[in-house]
N, C-alpha and C. Protein backbone atom coordinates (compact mmCIF):
# COMPACT_ATOMS: atom_id res chain seq x y z
N UNK A 1 -27.80 23.17 69.58
CA UNK A 1 -28.34 22.02 68.97
C UNK A 1 -27.44 20.38 69.15
N UNK A 2 -25.99 20.74 69.24
CA UNK A 2 -25.35 19.92 69.69
C UNK A 2 -25.87 19.14 70.85
N UNK A 3 -26.33 20.08 72.10
CA UNK A 3 -26.58 19.46 73.19
C UNK A 3 -28.02 18.83 73.36
N UNK A 4 -29.06 19.22 72.60
CA UNK A 4 -29.90 18.89 72.28
C UNK A 4 -30.49 18.09 71.26
N UNK A 5 -30.12 18.41 70.43
CA UNK A 5 -30.30 17.67 68.74
C UNK A 5 -31.50 18.72 68.26
N UNK A 6 -31.15 18.81 66.99
CA UNK A 6 -31.87 19.47 66.01
C UNK A 6 -33.36 19.64 66.40
N UNK A 7 -34.03 18.54 66.39
CA UNK A 7 -35.36 18.78 66.48
C UNK A 7 -35.87 19.05 67.58
N UNK A 8 -35.08 18.74 68.55
CA UNK A 8 -35.54 19.70 69.90
C UNK A 8 -35.14 20.62 70.60
N UNK A 9 -34.73 21.65 69.62
CA UNK A 9 -34.11 22.75 69.94
C UNK A 9 -35.15 24.05 69.07
N UNK A 10 -35.61 25.22 69.63
CA UNK A 10 -36.06 26.11 68.94
C UNK A 10 -35.41 27.26 68.78
N UNK A 11 -36.49 28.03 67.48
CA UNK A 11 -34.98 29.28 66.97
C UNK A 11 -35.27 30.44 68.34
N UNK A 12 -36.36 29.91 69.50
CA UNK A 12 -36.26 31.16 70.51
C UNK A 12 -34.94 30.91 71.21
N UNK A 13 -34.64 29.35 71.23
CA UNK A 13 -33.44 28.92 72.10
C UNK A 13 -31.97 29.40 71.92
N UNK A 14 -32.52 29.17 70.30
CA UNK A 14 -31.19 29.75 69.44
C UNK A 14 -30.80 31.06 69.76
N UNK A 15 -31.67 31.86 69.36
CA UNK A 15 -31.55 33.18 69.68
C UNK A 15 -31.22 33.90 71.30
N UNK A 16 -31.65 32.94 72.45
CA UNK A 16 -31.31 33.17 73.71
C UNK A 16 -29.93 32.68 74.02
N UNK A 17 -29.65 31.56 73.80
CA UNK A 17 -28.02 31.25 73.37
C UNK A 17 -27.43 32.16 73.00
N UNK A 18 -27.67 32.45 71.69
CA UNK A 18 -26.77 33.84 70.90
C UNK A 18 -26.77 35.11 71.49
N UNK A 19 -27.81 35.54 72.22
CA UNK A 19 -28.11 36.81 72.70
C UNK A 19 -28.50 37.76 71.92
N UNK A 20 -29.18 37.23 70.63
CA UNK A 20 -30.00 37.84 69.85
C UNK A 20 -31.68 37.71 70.01
N UNK A 21 -32.47 38.95 69.11
CA UNK A 21 -33.74 38.69 69.14
C UNK A 21 -34.17 37.75 67.88
N UNK A 22 -35.39 37.49 67.87
CA UNK A 22 -36.02 36.73 66.93
C UNK A 22 -35.94 37.37 66.04
N UNK A 23 -35.86 38.62 65.88
CA UNK A 23 -36.09 39.25 64.73
C UNK A 23 -34.84 39.56 64.23
N UNK A 24 -33.72 39.52 64.84
CA UNK A 24 -32.57 39.43 64.43
C UNK A 24 -32.32 38.26 63.75
N UNK A 25 -32.79 36.98 64.08
CA UNK A 25 -32.79 35.85 63.67
C UNK A 25 -33.10 35.95 62.01
N UNK A 26 -34.29 36.34 62.01
CA UNK A 26 -34.85 36.54 60.65
C UNK A 26 -34.88 37.31 59.97
N UNK A 27 -34.31 38.15 60.47
CA UNK A 27 -33.12 38.97 59.37
C UNK A 27 -32.06 38.76 58.68
N UNK A 28 -31.68 37.65 59.02
CA UNK A 28 -30.53 36.65 58.69
C UNK A 28 -31.09 35.38 57.64
N UNK A 29 -31.57 34.47 58.53
CA UNK A 29 -32.23 33.22 57.96
C UNK A 29 -33.64 33.46 58.03
N UNK A 30 -33.85 32.01 57.01
CA UNK A 30 -35.49 32.37 56.74
C UNK A 30 -35.95 31.41 57.67
N UNK A 31 -35.33 30.31 57.91
CA UNK A 31 -35.46 28.88 58.87
C UNK A 31 -34.14 28.26 59.55
N UNK A 32 -34.39 27.44 60.61
CA UNK A 32 -33.43 27.05 61.03
C UNK A 32 -32.25 25.81 59.96
N UNK A 33 -33.46 25.74 58.68
CA UNK A 33 -32.68 24.76 57.70
C UNK A 33 -31.50 25.88 57.21
N UNK A 34 -31.96 26.92 56.78
CA UNK A 34 -31.46 28.04 56.29
C UNK A 34 -30.29 28.11 56.95
N UNK A 35 -30.13 28.17 58.30
CA UNK A 35 -29.33 28.78 59.01
C UNK A 35 -27.76 27.68 59.41
N UNK A 36 -28.39 26.25 59.08
CA UNK A 36 -27.69 25.38 59.04
C UNK A 36 -26.55 25.15 57.73
N UNK A 37 -27.56 25.51 56.46
CA UNK A 37 -27.22 25.64 55.29
C UNK A 37 -25.38 26.52 55.39
N UNK A 38 -26.24 27.70 55.75
CA UNK A 38 -25.43 28.82 55.56
C UNK A 38 -24.05 28.33 56.54
N UNK A 39 -24.21 27.99 57.93
CA UNK A 39 -23.38 27.34 58.75
C UNK A 39 -22.02 26.29 58.03
N UNK A 40 -22.47 25.51 57.35
CA UNK A 40 -22.05 24.44 56.76
C UNK A 40 -20.99 25.05 55.53
N UNK A 41 -21.71 26.25 55.22
CA UNK A 41 -21.05 26.88 54.06
C UNK A 41 -19.34 27.36 54.67
N UNK A 42 -19.68 27.90 55.70
CA UNK A 42 -18.40 28.37 56.25
C UNK A 42 -17.25 27.54 56.31
N UNK A 43 -17.13 26.23 55.88
CA UNK A 43 -15.79 25.39 55.27
C UNK A 43 -14.76 26.22 54.59
N UNK A 44 -15.63 26.64 53.25
CA UNK A 44 -14.68 27.27 52.32
C UNK A 44 -13.64 27.97 53.09
N UNK A 45 -14.48 29.34 53.93
CA UNK A 45 -13.49 29.97 54.66
C UNK A 45 -12.41 29.72 55.68
N UNK A 46 -13.00 28.82 56.00
CA UNK A 46 -11.59 27.84 57.14
C UNK A 46 -10.96 27.17 56.27
N UNK A 47 -11.25 26.54 54.97
CA UNK A 47 -9.94 26.02 54.34
C UNK A 47 -8.91 27.49 53.44
N UNK A 48 -9.75 28.13 53.08
CA UNK A 48 -8.66 29.49 52.94
C UNK A 48 -7.67 29.86 53.91
N UNK A 49 -7.97 29.58 54.95
CA UNK A 49 -7.18 29.85 56.12
C UNK A 49 -5.77 28.62 56.10
N UNK A 50 -6.50 27.37 56.05
CA UNK A 50 -5.61 26.14 55.81
C UNK A 50 -4.45 26.24 55.24
N UNK A 51 -5.11 26.50 54.00
CA UNK A 51 -4.39 26.42 52.88
C UNK A 51 -3.07 27.39 52.81
N UNK A 52 -3.27 28.54 53.43
CA UNK A 52 -2.11 29.74 53.78
C UNK A 52 -1.10 28.96 54.54
N UNK A 53 -1.27 27.99 55.30
CA UNK A 53 -0.06 27.30 56.05
C UNK A 53 0.16 25.97 55.68
N UNK A 54 -0.52 25.28 54.66
CA UNK A 54 0.08 24.08 54.40
C UNK A 54 1.23 23.87 53.73
N UNK A 55 2.15 23.08 53.92
CA UNK A 55 3.67 23.25 52.71
C UNK A 55 4.11 22.13 52.04
N UNK A 56 3.41 21.13 52.25
CA UNK A 56 3.96 19.85 51.64
C UNK A 56 3.68 20.01 50.05
N UNK A 57 4.45 20.30 49.18
CA UNK A 57 4.67 20.78 47.72
C UNK A 57 3.91 19.32 46.90
N UNK A 58 3.98 18.03 47.59
CA UNK A 58 3.70 16.90 46.68
C UNK A 58 1.95 16.99 46.12
N UNK A 59 1.50 17.00 45.40
CA UNK A 59 0.32 17.01 45.19
C UNK A 59 -0.81 16.25 45.29
N UNK A 60 -0.31 14.98 45.50
CA UNK A 60 -0.94 14.07 46.04
C UNK A 60 -0.91 14.07 47.36
N UNK A 61 -0.01 14.09 47.78
CA UNK A 61 -0.55 14.38 49.77
C UNK A 61 -1.10 15.45 49.87
N UNK A 62 -1.42 16.59 49.19
CA UNK A 62 -1.73 17.61 49.36
C UNK A 62 -3.34 17.58 48.72
N UNK A 63 -3.68 16.75 48.28
CA UNK A 63 -4.96 16.39 47.56
C UNK A 63 -5.31 15.56 49.00
N UNK A 64 -4.73 14.21 49.53
CA UNK A 64 -4.90 13.75 50.36
C UNK A 64 -5.41 14.46 51.93
N UNK A 65 -4.45 15.52 51.70
CA UNK A 65 -4.49 16.53 53.13
C UNK A 65 -5.98 17.26 52.77
N UNK A 66 -6.48 17.94 52.18
CA UNK A 66 -7.18 18.65 51.51
C UNK A 66 -8.86 18.11 51.80
N UNK A 67 -8.66 16.73 51.00
CA UNK A 67 -10.00 15.97 51.39
C UNK A 67 -10.37 15.39 52.79
N UNK A 68 -9.07 15.29 53.44
CA UNK A 68 -9.26 14.78 54.91
C UNK A 68 -9.88 15.77 55.62
N UNK A 69 -9.01 17.17 55.55
CA UNK A 69 -9.17 17.87 56.14
C UNK A 69 -10.75 18.46 56.31
N UNK A 70 -11.41 18.04 54.77
CA UNK A 70 -12.85 18.61 54.95
C UNK A 70 -13.35 17.46 55.69
N UNK A 71 -13.22 16.65 55.96
CA UNK A 71 -13.83 15.17 56.54
C UNK A 71 -13.95 15.79 57.83
N UNK A 72 -12.45 15.83 58.57
CA UNK A 72 -12.25 16.33 60.05
C UNK A 72 -12.80 17.55 60.43
N UNK A 73 -13.24 18.50 59.55
CA UNK A 73 -14.15 19.77 59.78
C UNK A 73 -15.16 19.12 59.92
N UNK A 74 -15.84 18.27 59.27
CA UNK A 74 -16.97 18.12 59.38
C UNK A 74 -17.27 17.50 60.77
N UNK A 75 -16.37 16.34 61.07
CA UNK A 75 -16.45 15.06 61.90
C UNK A 75 -16.65 16.36 63.57
N UNK A 76 -15.84 17.46 63.10
CA UNK A 76 -15.55 18.05 64.56
C UNK A 76 -16.26 19.39 64.71
N UNK A 77 -16.78 19.77 63.60
CA UNK A 77 -17.41 21.29 63.80
C UNK A 77 -18.85 20.87 63.87
N UNK A 78 -19.13 20.11 63.02
CA UNK A 78 -20.78 19.66 62.61
C UNK A 78 -21.47 18.39 63.28
N UNK A 79 -20.39 17.80 63.37
CA UNK A 79 -20.59 16.24 64.12
C UNK A 79 -22.10 15.97 63.74
N UNK A 80 -23.15 15.97 65.23
CA UNK A 80 -24.59 15.27 65.02
C UNK A 80 -25.41 15.93 64.40
N UNK A 81 -24.91 17.33 63.28
CA UNK A 81 -25.80 18.28 62.84
C UNK A 81 -25.59 17.65 61.08
N UNK A 82 -24.67 17.48 60.96
CA UNK A 82 -24.38 16.81 59.65
C UNK A 82 -25.55 16.17 58.76
N UNK A 83 -26.43 15.29 59.70
CA UNK A 83 -27.29 14.27 58.87
C UNK A 83 -28.45 15.42 58.52
N UNK A 84 -28.78 16.45 59.44
CA UNK A 84 -29.61 18.13 59.30
C UNK A 84 -29.26 18.46 58.05
N UNK A 85 -27.83 18.68 57.73
CA UNK A 85 -27.26 19.47 56.75
C UNK A 85 -27.94 18.70 55.63
N UNK A 86 -27.89 17.40 55.46
CA UNK A 86 -27.95 16.74 53.85
C UNK A 86 -29.58 16.76 54.08
N UNK A 87 -30.38 16.67 55.10
CA UNK A 87 -31.76 16.57 55.02
C UNK A 87 -32.48 18.07 54.20
N UNK A 88 -31.63 18.74 54.83
CA UNK A 88 -31.80 20.36 54.79
C UNK A 88 -31.47 20.38 52.98
N UNK A 89 -30.46 19.91 52.81
CA UNK A 89 -30.21 20.15 51.22
C UNK A 89 -30.66 19.16 50.34
N UNK A 90 -31.16 18.27 50.77
CA UNK A 90 -32.18 17.06 50.16
C UNK A 90 -33.34 17.74 49.82
N UNK A 91 -34.05 18.61 50.27
CA UNK A 91 -35.43 18.89 50.43
C UNK A 91 -35.41 20.72 50.01
N UNK A 92 -34.13 21.38 49.59
CA UNK A 92 -34.32 22.58 48.61
C UNK A 92 -34.00 22.04 47.48
N UNK A 93 -33.97 23.68 46.67
CA UNK A 93 -33.23 23.87 45.46
C UNK A 93 -31.78 24.52 45.50
N UNK A 94 -31.35 24.52 46.64
CA UNK A 94 -29.80 25.05 47.22
C UNK A 94 -28.83 23.84 46.65
N UNK A 95 -27.84 24.34 45.70
CA UNK A 95 -27.12 23.69 45.24
C UNK A 95 -25.32 24.06 45.56
N UNK A 96 -25.52 24.97 46.61
CA UNK A 96 -23.91 25.54 46.77
C UNK A 96 -23.07 24.38 47.32
N UNK A 97 -23.34 23.32 48.27
CA UNK A 97 -22.66 21.75 48.54
C UNK A 97 -21.80 21.23 47.25
N UNK A 98 -22.52 21.50 46.30
CA UNK A 98 -22.35 20.77 45.16
C UNK A 98 -21.62 21.51 44.45
N UNK A 99 -21.45 22.72 44.30
CA UNK A 99 -21.05 24.13 43.61
C UNK A 99 -19.78 23.90 42.77
N UNK A 100 -19.71 23.87 41.60
CA UNK A 100 -18.14 24.09 40.98
C UNK A 100 -17.40 25.05 41.19
N UNK A 101 -18.05 26.08 41.90
CA UNK A 101 -17.62 27.35 42.24
C UNK A 101 -16.65 27.45 43.76
N UNK A 102 -16.88 26.40 44.23
CA UNK A 102 -16.69 26.62 45.84
C UNK A 102 -15.21 26.70 45.70
N UNK A 103 -14.56 26.76 46.74
CA UNK A 103 -12.85 26.76 47.30
C UNK A 103 -12.54 25.35 47.28
N UNK A 104 -13.57 24.51 48.02
CA UNK A 104 -13.13 22.67 48.13
C UNK A 104 -12.86 22.45 46.76
N UNK A 105 -14.13 22.78 45.87
CA UNK A 105 -14.21 21.88 44.39
C UNK A 105 -12.93 22.68 43.70
N UNK A 106 -12.65 23.70 43.69
CA UNK A 106 -11.43 24.14 42.65
C UNK A 106 -10.36 23.70 43.36
N UNK A 107 -10.26 23.68 44.66
CA UNK A 107 -8.66 23.01 45.14
C UNK A 107 -8.57 22.04 44.76
N UNK A 108 -9.39 20.82 44.98
CA UNK A 108 -9.58 19.38 44.98
C UNK A 108 -9.32 19.14 43.03
N UNK A 109 -10.02 20.04 42.51
CA UNK A 109 -9.55 20.22 40.99
C UNK A 109 -8.53 19.90 40.32
N UNK A 110 -7.87 21.13 41.12
CA UNK A 110 -6.50 22.25 40.41
C UNK A 110 -5.56 20.67 40.95
N UNK A 111 -5.91 20.32 42.38
CA UNK A 111 -4.43 19.17 42.68
C UNK A 111 -5.00 17.78 41.87
N UNK A 112 -5.92 17.63 41.29
CA UNK A 112 -6.27 16.39 40.66
C UNK A 112 -5.60 16.89 39.44
N UNK A 113 -5.55 17.86 38.74
CA UNK A 113 -4.94 18.06 37.61
C UNK A 113 -3.53 17.75 37.45
N UNK A 114 -2.92 18.62 38.82
CA UNK A 114 -1.36 18.22 39.20
C UNK A 114 -0.83 17.24 39.15
N UNK A 115 -1.66 16.20 39.69
CA UNK A 115 -1.58 14.60 39.56
C UNK A 115 -1.27 14.17 38.42
N UNK A 116 -2.37 14.36 37.62
CA UNK A 116 -2.24 13.97 36.63
C UNK A 116 -1.15 14.12 35.35
N UNK A 117 -1.48 15.46 35.58
CA UNK A 117 0.02 16.47 34.65
C UNK A 117 1.61 15.33 35.41
N UNK A 118 1.92 15.26 36.56
CA UNK A 118 3.07 14.82 37.04
C UNK A 118 2.97 13.05 37.06
N UNK A 119 1.76 12.64 36.41
CA UNK A 119 2.03 11.28 36.26
C UNK A 119 1.48 10.58 38.06
N UNK A 120 1.15 10.97 38.36
CA UNK A 120 1.31 10.44 39.63
C UNK A 120 -0.64 9.90 39.59
N UNK A 121 -1.14 10.18 38.88
CA UNK A 121 -2.42 9.36 38.38
C UNK A 121 -2.48 8.82 37.07
N UNK A 122 -2.19 7.26 37.19
CA UNK A 122 -2.57 6.59 35.87
C UNK A 122 -3.64 6.23 35.18
N UNK A 123 -4.35 5.91 35.74
CA UNK A 123 -5.79 5.53 35.37
C UNK A 123 -6.20 6.46 34.14
N UNK A 124 -7.10 5.94 33.12
CA UNK A 124 -7.15 6.61 31.98
C UNK A 124 -8.49 7.29 32.65
N UNK A 125 -8.72 8.45 33.40
CA UNK A 125 -9.75 9.25 33.70
C UNK A 125 -9.36 10.41 33.48
N UNK A 126 -10.38 11.47 33.02
CA UNK A 126 -10.36 12.75 33.02
C UNK A 126 -10.42 13.68 34.38
N UNK A 127 -9.51 14.58 34.29
CA UNK A 127 -9.52 15.24 35.71
C UNK A 127 -10.60 15.82 36.13
N UNK A 128 -11.82 16.04 35.57
CA UNK A 128 -13.11 15.89 35.76
C UNK A 128 -13.97 15.28 36.67
N UNK A 129 -13.63 14.07 36.02
CA UNK A 129 -14.33 12.81 36.57
C UNK A 129 -13.44 12.51 38.31
N UNK A 130 -12.13 12.50 37.81
CA UNK A 130 -11.41 12.17 39.26
C UNK A 130 -11.78 13.26 40.46
N UNK A 131 -12.10 14.37 39.99
CA UNK A 131 -12.31 15.14 41.02
C UNK A 131 -13.97 14.73 41.55
N UNK A 132 -14.93 14.91 40.82
CA UNK A 132 -16.02 14.78 41.10
C UNK A 132 -15.91 12.93 42.23
N UNK A 133 -15.02 11.89 41.31
CA UNK A 133 -14.98 10.77 42.47
C UNK A 133 -14.62 10.95 43.59
N UNK A 134 -13.53 11.83 43.85
CA UNK A 134 -12.98 11.82 44.96
C UNK A 134 -13.72 12.64 46.05
N UNK A 135 -14.36 13.67 45.64
CA UNK A 135 -15.65 14.27 46.55
C UNK A 135 -17.00 13.87 46.76
N UNK A 136 -17.13 12.58 45.77
CA UNK A 136 -18.33 11.59 46.22
C UNK A 136 -18.19 10.54 47.18
N UNK A 137 -16.74 10.42 46.91
CA UNK A 137 -16.22 9.10 48.12
C UNK A 137 -16.37 10.09 49.46
N UNK A 138 -15.43 11.30 49.77
CA UNK A 138 -15.79 11.92 50.79
C UNK A 138 -16.93 11.95 51.17
N UNK A 139 -18.01 12.42 50.53
CA UNK A 139 -19.59 12.65 50.57
C UNK A 139 -19.87 11.29 51.25
N UNK A 140 -19.53 10.55 50.24
CA UNK A 140 -20.50 9.01 50.68
C UNK A 140 -19.79 8.42 52.03
N UNK A 141 -18.80 8.81 52.49
CA UNK A 141 -18.36 8.48 54.01
C UNK A 141 -18.83 9.04 55.04
N UNK A 142 -18.95 10.60 54.75
CA UNK A 142 -19.92 11.25 55.50
C UNK A 142 -21.20 10.93 55.66
N UNK A 143 -21.93 10.69 54.61
CA UNK A 143 -23.34 9.99 54.86
C UNK A 143 -23.47 9.23 55.08
N UNK A 144 -22.55 7.99 55.24
CA UNK A 144 -22.50 6.59 55.83
C UNK A 144 -22.40 6.95 57.35
N UNK A 145 -21.55 7.74 57.59
CA UNK A 145 -21.01 7.85 59.18
C UNK A 145 -22.40 8.63 59.73
N UNK A 146 -23.08 9.66 58.98
CA UNK A 146 -24.48 9.94 59.59
C UNK A 146 -25.56 9.11 59.96
N UNK A 147 -25.87 7.62 58.70
CA UNK A 147 -26.61 6.72 58.89
C UNK A 147 -25.97 5.65 59.91
N UNK A 148 -24.98 5.45 59.95
CA UNK A 148 -24.54 4.78 61.18
C UNK A 148 -24.54 5.57 62.72
N UNK A 149 -25.27 6.75 62.69
CA UNK A 149 -25.54 7.67 63.86
C UNK A 149 -24.38 7.82 64.77
N UNK A 150 -23.28 8.36 64.00
CA UNK A 150 -21.92 8.79 63.88
C UNK A 150 -21.35 7.71 65.17
N UNK A 151 -21.39 6.57 65.02
CA UNK A 151 -20.77 5.46 65.51
C UNK A 151 -19.24 4.97 65.27
N UNK A 152 -19.12 5.54 64.24
CA UNK A 152 -17.62 4.94 64.00
C UNK A 152 -16.61 6.39 63.71
N UNK A 153 -15.54 5.83 63.55
CA UNK A 153 -13.95 6.93 63.07
C UNK A 153 -14.41 6.97 61.95
N UNK A 154 -14.99 8.40 61.57
CA UNK A 154 -15.16 8.76 59.97
C UNK A 154 -13.69 8.83 59.70
N UNK A 155 -12.53 9.29 60.34
CA UNK A 155 -11.51 9.86 59.65
C UNK A 155 -10.66 8.64 59.26
N UNK A 156 -10.77 7.85 60.17
CA UNK A 156 -10.04 6.37 59.75
C UNK A 156 -11.02 5.54 58.52
N UNK A 157 -11.88 5.91 58.48
CA UNK A 157 -12.43 5.15 57.21
C UNK A 157 -12.33 5.81 56.14
N UNK A 158 -12.53 7.44 56.45
CA UNK A 158 -11.83 8.29 54.70
C UNK A 158 -10.76 7.97 54.82
N UNK A 159 -9.41 7.73 55.28
CA UNK A 159 -8.61 7.56 54.99
C UNK A 159 -7.96 5.94 54.19
N UNK A 160 -8.60 4.89 54.98
CA UNK A 160 -8.81 3.41 54.29
C UNK A 160 -9.64 4.07 52.75
N UNK A 161 -10.54 4.65 52.92
CA UNK A 161 -11.48 4.73 51.58
C UNK A 161 -10.15 5.21 50.21
N UNK A 162 -9.75 6.34 50.68
CA UNK A 162 -8.62 7.72 50.07
C UNK A 162 -7.39 6.43 49.95
N UNK A 163 -7.37 5.68 50.31
CA UNK A 163 -6.19 4.62 50.11
C UNK A 163 -6.81 3.70 48.95
N UNK A 164 -7.37 3.19 48.78
CA UNK A 164 -7.92 2.17 48.55
C UNK A 164 -7.96 2.67 46.51
N UNK A 165 -8.80 3.96 46.74
CA UNK A 165 -8.82 4.70 45.60
C UNK A 165 -8.16 5.37 45.09
N UNK A 166 -6.80 5.91 45.77
CA UNK A 166 -5.75 6.45 45.33
C UNK A 166 -4.58 5.27 44.39
N UNK A 167 -4.82 4.13 45.57
CA UNK A 167 -3.98 2.79 44.81
C UNK A 167 -4.34 2.60 43.61
N UNK A 168 -5.67 2.60 43.53
CA UNK A 168 -6.06 2.30 41.97
C UNK A 168 -5.95 3.34 40.71
N UNK A 169 -6.42 4.67 41.35
CA UNK A 169 -5.47 5.59 40.15
C UNK A 169 -4.30 5.89 39.90
N UNK A 170 -3.39 5.23 41.15
CA UNK A 170 -1.92 5.80 41.04
C UNK A 170 -1.13 4.25 40.28
N UNK A 171 -1.72 3.39 39.82
CA UNK A 171 -1.53 2.29 39.20
C UNK A 171 -0.68 1.12 40.20
N UNK A 172 -1.36 1.14 41.27
CA UNK A 172 -1.20 0.28 42.25
C UNK A 172 -0.08 0.80 43.36
N UNK A 173 0.41 1.68 43.53
CA UNK A 173 1.37 2.67 44.40
C UNK A 173 0.24 4.07 44.94
N UNK A 174 0.77 4.69 45.91
CA UNK A 174 0.06 5.59 47.10
C UNK A 174 1.36 6.86 46.86
């Protein structure tokens, strides 16, 4: 899919490249769209491994790390398939990507709460609102990157956007 594009690759080609039968494919997935959604869900598994090795104890820096790590994962691992994920998510009732049960969401929420408790965030906003805000900003950056056909450095823009937002919710300091 990365080489040919999502629309230009058939399930048969996917199966041939993976060395499996189409029956095996349909045993695990209903469609290409479902395969993509499940594949993107692998970020939480990746994040669990990353969290075991991250050592910066500052909750604000940890929060920045997690948000940018997810952005970098999308940029490097899914690249040009990201737009297809969002198309698939928008055309289905599957809400996994925005589920509060996800490890990604829970980690962001935990570190937003720590930042509030330690006085790093001074804006009079709730932990729930700030968690949703930060995730929306990163998701918005990713969608904008897709709309611009992956033509700019997503990480550079995500860092700048987080700097602006963190300056605002940290009372002008980061």
